[in-house]
Amino acid sequence: MRARGDVGPGFFAADNIAAVQYGIASGLVRFMATGDVRKFAAFVRAVKEGTPEEEALRQAFGGSLDELLEAYGRSIGVPGLKR
């Protein structure tokens, strides 16, 4: 992730992510949950109710997936992190 500046192929599209992507996924979840627990709970609830992930993210956090990755990347020293 640090070398390439992205989260790797299929990270958001695949049913199963690659083993090396689990650390990225867990860090991203921690980042979202730590920021605002209520927003994170609303996001999870919306996804469980069938809202597409990107729409649920927009509704709960008011931003796009690309904006989330950019913010997460900045927080871990990888500015400009992309899909």
PDB file of N, CA and C in Angstrom:
ATOM      1  N   MET A   1       0.830  -1.177   0.000  1.00  0.00           N
ATOM      2  CA  MET A   1       0.000   0.000   0.000  1.00  0.00           C
ATOM      3  C   MET A   1       0.882   1.250   0.000  1.00  0.00           C
ATOM      4  N   ARG A   2       1.858   1.278   0.859  1.00  0.00           N
ATOM      5  CA  ARG A   2       2.724   2.461   0.903  1.00  0.00           C
ATOM      6  C   ARG A   2       3.529   2.628  -0.387  1.00  0.00           C
ATOM      7  N   ALA A   3       4.008   1.533  -0.931  1.00  0.00           N
ATOM      8  CA  ALA A   3       4.833   1.605  -2.140  1.00  0.00           C
ATOM      9  C   ALA A   3       4.013   1.993  -3.369  1.00  0.00           C
ATOM     10  N   ARG A   4       2.792   1.470  -3.463  1.00  0.00           N
ATOM     11  CA  ARG A   4       1.975   1.702  -4.658  1.00  0.00           C
ATOM     12  C   ARG A   4       1.017   2.866  -4.519  1.00  0.00           C
ATOM     13  N   GLY A   5       0.672   3.233  -3.282  1.00  0.00           N
ATOM     14  CA  GLY A   5      -0.270   4.323  -3.068  1.00  0.00           C
ATOM     15  C   GLY A   5      -1.719   3.938  -3.293  1.00  0.00           C
ATOM     16  N   ASP A   6      -1.994   2.621  -3.253  1.00  0.00           N
ATOM     17  CA  ASP A   6      -3.379   2.178  -3.383  1.00  0.00           C
ATOM     18  C   ASP A   6      -3.630   0.976  -2.482  1.00  0.00           C
ATOM     19  N   VAL A   7      -4.913   0.598  -2.378  1.00  0.00           N
ATOM     20  CA  VAL A   7      -5.283  -0.498  -1.485  1.00  0.00           C
ATOM     21  C   VAL A   7      -5.215  -1.852  -2.165  1.00  0.00           C
ATOM     22  N   GLY A   8      -4.900  -1.884  -3.430  1.00  0.00           N
ATOM     23  CA  GLY A   8      -4.732  -3.140  -4.151  1.00  0.00           C
ATOM     24  C   GLY A   8      -5.947  -3.516  -4.982  1.00  0.00           C
ATOM     25  N   PRO A   9      -5.720  -4.372  -5.959  1.00  0.00           N
ATOM     26  CA  PRO A   9      -6.789  -4.756  -6.875  1.00  0.00           C
ATOM     27  C   PRO A   9      -7.920  -5.514  -6.180  1.00  0.00           C
ATOM     28  N   GLY A  10      -9.128  -5.159  -6.549  1.00  0.00           N
ATOM     29  CA  GLY A  10     -10.288  -5.867  -6.047  1.00  0.00           C
ATOM     30  C   GLY A  10     -10.655  -5.595  -4.599  1.00  0.00           C
ATOM     31  N   PHE A  11     -10.006  -4.630  -3.967  1.00  0.00           N
ATOM     32  CA  PHE A  11     -10.241  -4.389  -2.551  1.00  0.00           C
ATOM     33  C   PHE A  11     -11.713  -4.102  -2.253  1.00  0.00           C
ATOM     34  N   PHE A  12     -12.360  -3.292  -3.073  1.00  0.00           N
ATOM     35  CA  PHE A  12     -13.760  -2.945  -2.841  1.00  0.00           C
ATOM     36  C   PHE A  12     -14.720  -3.730  -3.718  1.00  0.00           C
ATOM     37  N   ALA A  13     -14.212  -4.474  -4.672  1.00  0.00           N
ATOM     38  CA  ALA A  13     -15.084  -5.179  -5.606  1.00  0.00           C
ATOM     39  C   ALA A  13     -15.155  -6.678  -5.354  1.00  0.00           C
ATOM     40  N   ALA A  14     -14.159  -7.219  -4.729  1.00  0.00           N
ATOM     41  CA  ALA A  14     -14.075  -8.672  -4.566  1.00  0.00           C
ATOM     42  C   ALA A  14     -14.861  -9.156  -3.354  1.00  0.00           C
ATOM     43  N   ASP A  15     -15.387 -10.367  -3.459  1.00  0.00           N
ATOM     44  CA  ASP A  15     -16.034 -10.994  -2.312  1.00  0.00           C
ATOM     45  C   ASP A  15     -14.997 -11.413  -1.277  1.00  0.00           C
ATOM     46  N   ASN A  16     -13.802 -11.737  -1.736  1.00  0.00           N
ATOM     47  CA  ASN A  16     -12.711 -12.150  -0.858  1.00  0.00           C
ATOM     48  C   ASN A  16     -11.493 -11.307  -1.193  1.00  0.00           C
ATOM     49  N   ILE A  17     -11.000 -10.584  -0.204  1.00  0.00           N
ATOM     50  CA  ILE A  17      -9.805  -9.792  -0.437  1.00  0.00           C
ATOM     51  C   ILE A  17      -8.575 -10.671  -0.258  1.00  0.00           C
ATOM     52  N   ALA A  18      -7.460 -10.197  -0.787  1.00  0.00           N
ATOM     53  CA  ALA A  18      -6.199 -10.929  -0.648  1.00  0.00           C
ATOM     54  C   ALA A  18      -5.739 -10.871   0.812  1.00  0.00           C
ATOM     55  N   ALA A  19      -5.007 -11.862   1.217  1.00  0.00           N
ATOM     56  CA  ALA A  19      -4.534 -11.949   2.607  1.00  0.00           C
ATOM     57  C   ALA A  19      -3.802 -10.686   3.041  1.00  0.00           C
ATOM     58  N   VAL A  20      -3.016 -10.095   2.164  1.00  0.00           N
ATOM     59  CA  VAL A  20      -2.253  -8.899   2.525  1.00  0.00           C
ATOM     60  C   VAL A  20      -3.150  -7.681   2.709  1.00  0.00           C
ATOM     61  N   GLN A  21      -4.403  -7.761   2.258  1.00  0.00           N
ATOM     62  CA  GLN A  21      -5.317  -6.625   2.370  1.00  0.00           C
ATOM     63  C   GLN A  21      -6.099  -6.611   3.684  1.00  0.00           C
ATOM     64  N   TYR A  22      -6.011  -7.666   4.474  1.00  0.00           N
ATOM     65  CA  TYR A  22      -6.758  -7.701   5.730  1.00  0.00           C
ATOM     66  C   TYR A  22      -6.300  -6.617   6.697  1.00  0.00           C
ATOM     67  N   GLY A  23      -5.021  -6.344   6.738  1.00  0.00           N
ATOM     68  CA  GLY A  23      -4.518  -5.272   7.599  1.00  0.00           C
ATOM     69  C   GLY A  23      -5.043  -3.916   7.168  1.00  0.00           C
ATOM     70  N   ILE A  24      -5.110  -3.703   5.865  1.00  0.00           N
ATOM     71  CA  ILE A  24      -5.661  -2.450   5.340  1.00  0.00           C
ATOM     72  C   ILE A  24      -7.129  -2.344   5.738  1.00  0.00           C
ATOM     73  N   ALA A  25      -7.872  -3.424   5.543  1.00  0.00           N
ATOM     74  CA  ALA A  25      -9.303  -3.425   5.857  1.00  0.00           C
ATOM     75  C   ALA A  25      -9.541  -3.140   7.336  1.00  0.00           C
ATOM     76  N   SER A  26      -8.783  -3.786   8.197  1.00  0.00           N
ATOM     77  CA  SER A  26      -9.009  -3.577   9.623  1.00  0.00           C
ATOM     78  C   SER A  26      -8.622  -2.158  10.035  1.00  0.00           C
ATOM     79  N   GLY A  27      -7.577  -1.619   9.454  1.00  0.00           N
ATOM     80  CA  GLY A  27      -7.189  -0.241   9.744  1.00  0.00           C
ATOM     81  C   GLY A  27      -8.240   0.752   9.273  1.00  0.00           C
ATOM     82  N   LEU A  28      -8.810   0.493   8.120  1.00  0.00           N
ATOM     83  CA  LEU A  28      -9.847   1.368   7.579  1.00  0.00           C
ATOM     84  C   LEU A  28     -11.100   1.332   8.455  1.00  0.00           C
ATOM     85  N   VAL A  29     -11.479   0.151   8.908  1.00  0.00           N
ATOM     86  CA  VAL A  29     -12.643   0.028   9.801  1.00  0.00           C
ATOM     87  C   VAL A  29     -12.373   0.756  11.116  1.00  0.00           C
ATOM     88  N   ARG A  30     -11.197   0.570  11.687  1.00  0.00           N
ATOM     89  CA  ARG A  30     -10.842   1.283  12.927  1.00  0.00           C
ATOM     90  C   ARG A  30     -10.906   2.792  12.722  1.00  0.00           C
ATOM     91  N   PHE A  31     -10.385   3.255  11.588  1.00  0.00           N
ATOM     92  CA  PHE A  31     -10.396   4.687  11.272  1.00  0.00           C
ATOM     93  C   PHE A  31     -11.833   5.211  11.236  1.00  0.00           C
ATOM     94  N   MET A  32     -12.718   4.478  10.567  1.00  0.00           N
ATOM     95  CA  MET A  32     -14.115   4.911  10.453  1.00  0.00           C
ATOM     96  C   MET A  32     -14.812   4.892  11.811  1.00  0.00           C
ATOM     97  N   ALA A  33     -14.602   3.846  12.585  1.00  0.00           N
ATOM     98  CA  ALA A  33     -15.282   3.699  13.868  1.00  0.00           C
ATOM     99  C   ALA A  33     -14.767   4.683  14.906  1.00  0.00           C
ATOM    100  N   THR A  34     -13.491   4.996  14.859  1.00  0.00           N
ATOM    101  CA  THR A  34     -12.894   5.908  15.827  1.00  0.00           C
ATOM    102  C   THR A  34     -13.327   7.344  15.579  1.00  0.00           C
ATOM    103  N   GLY A  35     -13.542   7.685  14.323  1.00  0.00           N
ATOM    104  CA  GLY A  35     -13.922   9.060  13.993  1.00  0.00           C
ATOM    105  C   GLY A  35     -15.245   9.474  14.606  1.00  0.00           C
ATOM    106  N   ASP A  36     -16.279   8.686  14.402  1.00  0.00           N
ATOM    107  CA  ASP A  36     -17.601   8.986  14.941  1.00  0.00           C
ATOM    108  C   ASP A  36     -18.388   7.682  15.000  1.00  0.00           C
ATOM    109  N   VAL A  37     -18.533   7.147  16.179  1.00  0.00           N
ATOM    110  CA  VAL A  37     -19.173   5.841  16.358  1.00  0.00           C
ATOM    111  C   VAL A  37     -20.606   5.848  15.830  1.00  0.00           C
ATOM    112  N   ARG A  38     -21.320   6.946  16.035  1.00  0.00           N
ATOM    113  CA  ARG A  38     -22.712   7.008  15.563  1.00  0.00           C
ATOM    114  C   ARG A  38     -22.792   6.957  14.044  1.00  0.00           C
ATOM    115  N   LYS A  39     -21.896   7.664  13.376  1.00  0.00           N
ATOM    116  CA  LYS A  39     -21.879   7.636  11.911  1.00  0.00           C
ATOM    117  C   LYS A  39     -21.499   6.241  11.417  1.00  0.00           C
ATOM    118  N   PHE A  40     -20.540   5.630  12.081  1.00  0.00           N
ATOM    119  CA  PHE A  40     -20.132   4.288  11.688  1.00  0.00           C
ATOM    120  C   PHE A  40     -21.279   3.301  11.871  1.00  0.00           C
ATOM    121  N   ALA A  41     -22.004   3.410  12.978  1.00  0.00           N
ATOM    122  CA  ALA A  41     -23.153   2.534  13.223  1.00  0.00           C
ATOM    123  C   ALA A  41     -24.225   2.752  12.160  1.00  0.00           C
ATOM    124  N   ALA A  42     -24.456   3.999  11.768  1.00  0.00           N
ATOM    125  CA  ALA A  42     -25.443   4.285  10.719  1.00  0.00           C
ATOM    126  C   ALA A  42     -25.005   3.679   9.394  1.00  0.00           C
ATOM    127  N   PHE A  43     -23.721   3.745   9.107  1.00  0.00           N
ATOM    128  CA  PHE A  43     -23.182   3.150   7.886  1.00  0.00           C
ATOM    129  C   PHE A  43     -23.409   1.637   7.882  1.00  0.00           C
ATOM    130  N   VAL A  44     -23.042   0.968   8.960  1.00  0.00           N
ATOM    131  CA  VAL A  44     -23.191  -0.489   9.054  1.00  0.00           C
ATOM    132  C   VAL A  44     -24.666  -0.872   8.951  1.00  0.00           C
ATOM    133  N   ARG A  45     -25.510  -0.144   9.643  1.00  0.00           N
ATOM    134  CA  ARG A  45     -26.945  -0.433   9.613  1.00  0.00           C
ATOM    135  C   ARG A  45     -27.495  -0.309   8.193  1.00  0.00           C
ATOM    136  N   ALA A  46     -27.111   0.744   7.487  1.00  0.00           N
ATOM    137  CA  ALA A  46     -27.590   0.955   6.123  1.00  0.00           C
ATOM    138  C   ALA A  46     -27.136  -0.178   5.201  1.00  0.00           C
ATOM    139  N   VAL A  47     -25.896  -0.604   5.334  1.00  0.00           N
ATOM    140  CA  VAL A  47     -25.391  -1.704   4.506  1.00  0.00           C
ATOM    141  C   VAL A  47     -26.159  -2.984   4.817  1.00  0.00           C
ATOM    142  N   LYS A  48     -26.376  -3.256   6.095  1.00  0.00           N
ATOM    143  CA  LYS A  48     -27.119  -4.460   6.489  1.00  0.00           C
ATOM    144  C   LYS A  48     -28.547  -4.434   5.951  1.00  0.00           C
ATOM    145  N   GLU A  49     -29.109  -3.237   5.784  1.00  0.00           N
ATOM    146  CA  GLU A  49     -30.472  -3.096   5.269  1.00  0.00           C
ATOM    147  C   GLU A  49     -30.521  -3.106   3.746  1.00  0.00           C
ATOM    148  N   GLY A  50     -29.360  -3.241   3.099  1.00  0.00           N
ATOM    149  CA  GLY A  50     -29.337  -3.374   1.650  1.00  0.00           C
ATOM    150  C   GLY A  50     -28.899  -2.161   0.858  1.00  0.00           C
ATOM    151  N   THR A  51     -28.541  -1.092   1.526  1.00  0.00           N
ATOM    152  CA  THR A  51     -28.051   0.087   0.818  1.00  0.00           C
ATOM    153  C   THR A  51     -26.664  -0.209   0.253  1.00  0.00           C
ATOM    154  N   PRO A  52     -26.425   0.108  -1.018  1.00  0.00           N
ATOM    155  CA  PRO A  52     -25.075  -0.097  -1.566  1.00  0.00           C
ATOM    156  C   PRO A  52     -24.036   0.632  -0.708  1.00  0.00           C
ATOM    157  N   GLU A  53     -22.869   0.040  -0.585  1.00  0.00           N
ATOM    158  CA  GLU A  53     -21.845   0.544   0.331  1.00  0.00           C
ATOM    159  C   GLU A  53     -21.492   2.010   0.105  1.00  0.00           C
ATOM    160  N   GLU A  54     -21.306   2.384  -1.155  1.00  0.00           N
ATOM    161  CA  GLU A  54     -20.910   3.776  -1.411  1.00  0.00           C
ATOM    162  C   GLU A  54     -22.018   4.750  -1.057  1.00  0.00           C
ATOM    163  N   GLU A  55     -23.270   4.378  -1.295  1.00  0.00           N
ATOM    164  CA  GLU A  55     -24.388   5.236  -0.918  1.00  0.00           C
ATOM    165  C   GLU A  55     -24.511   5.311   0.598  1.00  0.00           C
ATOM    166  N   ALA A  56     -24.340   4.188   1.279  1.00  0.00           N
ATOM    167  CA  ALA A  56     -24.384   4.175   2.744  1.00  0.00           C
ATOM    168  C   ALA A  56     -23.288   5.067   3.321  1.00  0.00           C
ATOM    169  N   LEU A  57     -22.122   5.032   2.726  1.00  0.00           N
ATOM    170  CA  LEU A  57     -21.012   5.876   3.163  1.00  0.00           C
ATOM    171  C   LEU A  57     -21.364   7.353   2.983  1.00  0.00           C
ATOM    172  N   ARG A  58     -21.932   7.670   1.836  1.00  0.00           N
ATOM    173  CA  ARG A  58     -22.324   9.056   1.556  1.00  0.00           C
ATOM    174  C   ARG A  58     -23.390   9.526   2.556  1.00  0.00           C
ATOM    175  N   GLN A  59     -24.367   8.668   2.825  1.00  0.00           N
ATOM    176  CA  GLN A  59     -25.435   9.030   3.762  1.00  0.00           C
ATOM    177  C   GLN A  59     -24.900   9.217   5.184  1.00  0.00           C
ATOM    178  N   ALA A  60     -24.061   8.307   5.631  1.00  0.00           N
ATOM    179  CA  ALA A  60     -23.592   8.340   7.023  1.00  0.00           C
ATOM    180  C   ALA A  60     -22.482   9.361   7.258  1.00  0.00           C
ATOM    181  N   PHE A  61     -21.536   9.415   6.344  1.00  0.00           N
ATOM    182  CA  PHE A  61     -20.353  10.254   6.555  1.00  0.00           C
ATOM    183  C   PHE A  61     -20.327  11.514   5.694  1.00  0.00           C
ATOM    184  N   GLY A  62     -21.217  11.578   4.702  1.00  0.00           N
ATOM    185  CA  GLY A  62     -21.264  12.764   3.851  1.00  0.00           C
ATOM    186  C   GLY A  62     -20.120  12.867   2.870  1.00  0.00           C
ATOM    187  N   GLY A  63     -19.513  11.733   2.522  1.00  0.00           N
ATOM    188  CA  GLY A  63     -18.392  11.770   1.593  1.00  0.00           C
ATOM    189  C   GLY A  63     -18.348  10.531   0.728  1.00  0.00           C
ATOM    190  N   SER A  64     -17.443  10.562  -0.207  1.00  0.00           N
ATOM    191  CA  SER A  64     -17.293   9.456  -1.144  1.00  0.00           C
ATOM    192  C   SER A  64     -16.237   8.463  -0.651  1.00  0.00           C
ATOM    193  N   LEU A  65     -16.188   7.352  -1.299  1.00  0.00           N
ATOM    194  CA  LEU A  65     -15.178   6.342  -0.997  1.00  0.00           C
ATOM    195  C   LEU A  65     -13.775   6.903  -1.239  1.00  0.00           C
ATOM    196  N   ASP A  66     -13.618   7.654  -2.309  1.00  0.00           N
ATOM    197  CA  ASP A  66     -12.312   8.253  -2.594  1.00  0.00           C
ATOM    198  C   ASP A  66     -11.901   9.247  -1.508  1.00  0.00           C
ATOM    199  N   GLU A  67     -12.864   9.997  -0.982  1.00  0.00           N
ATOM    200  CA  GLU A  67     -12.568  10.936   0.104  1.00  0.00           C
ATOM    201  C   GLU A  67     -12.200  10.193   1.385  1.00  0.00           C
ATOM    202  N   LEU A  68     -12.889   9.095   1.638  1.00  0.00           N
ATOM    203  CA  LEU A  68     -12.556   8.273   2.808  1.00  0.00           C
ATOM    204  C   LEU A  68     -11.129   7.755   2.700  1.00  0.00           C
ATOM    205  N   LEU A  69     -10.767   7.209   1.540  1.00  0.00           N
ATOM    206  CA  LEU A  69      -9.411   6.693   1.365  1.00  0.00           C
ATOM    207  C   LEU A  69      -8.365   7.787   1.497  1.00  0.00           C
ATOM    208  N   GLU A  70      -8.664   8.963   0.975  1.00  0.00           N
ATOM    209  CA  GLU A  70      -7.728  10.084   1.092  1.00  0.00           C
ATOM    210  C   GLU A  70      -7.514  10.440   2.553  1.00  0.00           C
ATOM    211  N   ALA A  71      -8.597  10.539   3.320  1.00  0.00           N
ATOM    212  CA  ALA A  71      -8.489  10.872   4.751  1.00  0.00           C
ATOM    213  C   ALA A  71      -7.756   9.769   5.518  1.00  0.00           C
ATOM    214  N   TYR A  72      -8.091   8.518   5.242  1.00  0.00           N
ATOM    215  CA  TYR A  72      -7.414   7.401   5.899  1.00  0.00           C
ATOM    216  C   TYR A  72      -5.928   7.414   5.554  1.00  0.00           C
ATOM    217  N   GLY A  73      -5.631   7.604   4.291  1.00  0.00           N
ATOM    218  CA  GLY A  73      -4.238   7.651   3.857  1.00  0.00           C
ATOM    219  C   GLY A  73      -3.447   8.735   4.579  1.00  0.00           C
ATOM    220  N   ARG A  74      -4.031   9.911   4.676  1.00  0.00           N
ATOM    221  CA  ARG A  74      -3.355  11.005   5.400  1.00  0.00           C
ATOM    222  C   ARG A  74      -3.097  10.611   6.846  1.00  0.00           C
ATOM    223  N   SER A  75      -4.060   9.919   7.460  1.00  0.00           N
ATOM    224  CA  SER A  75      -3.922   9.569   8.879  1.00  0.00           C
ATOM    225  C   SER A  75      -2.818   8.547   9.138  1.00  0.00           C
ATOM    226  N   ILE A  76      -2.447   7.770   8.106  1.00  0.00           N
ATOM    227  CA  ILE A  76      -1.411   6.757   8.291  1.00  0.00           C
ATOM    228  C   ILE A  76      -0.133   7.092   7.520  1.00  0.00           C
ATOM    229  N   GLY A  77      -0.047   8.317   7.010  1.00  0.00           N
ATOM    230  CA  GLY A  77       1.173   8.735   6.315  1.00  0.00           C
ATOM    231  C   GLY A  77       1.266   8.301   4.868  1.00  0.00           C
ATOM    232  N   VAL A  78       0.116   8.042   4.243  1.00  0.00           N
ATOM    233  CA  VAL A  78       0.082   7.684   2.815  1.00  0.00           C
ATOM    234  C   VAL A  78      -0.864   8.655   2.108  1.00  0.00           C
ATOM    235  N   PRO A  79      -0.456   9.926   1.982  1.00  0.00           N
ATOM    236  CA  PRO A  79      -1.351  10.899   1.345  1.00  0.00           C
ATOM    237  C   PRO A  79      -1.621  10.493  -0.108  1.00  0.00           C
ATOM    238  N   GLY A  80      -2.833  10.771  -0.535  1.00  0.00           N
ATOM    239  CA  GLY A  80      -3.197  10.421  -1.911  1.00  0.00           C
ATOM    240  C   GLY A  80      -3.562   8.971  -2.105  1.00  0.00           C
ATOM    241  N   LEU A  81      -3.870   8.248  -1.025  1.00  0.00           N
ATOM    242  CA  LEU A  81      -4.228   6.831  -1.129  1.00  0.00           C
ATOM    243  C   LEU A  81      -5.434   6.668  -2.051  1.00  0.00           C
ATOM    244  N   LYS A  82      -5.347   5.694  -2.937  1.00  0.00           N
ATOM    245  CA  LYS A  82      -6.401   5.469  -3.934  1.00  0.00           C
ATOM    246  C   LYS A  82      -6.886   4.036  -3.894  1.00  0.00           C
ATOM    247  N   ARG A  83      -7.976   3.805  -4.642  1.00  0.00           N
ATOM    248  CA  ARG A  83      -8.537   2.445  -4.775  1.00  0.00           C
ATOM    249  C   ARG A  83      -7.570   1.529  -5.454  1.00  0.00           C
TER     250      ARG A  83
END
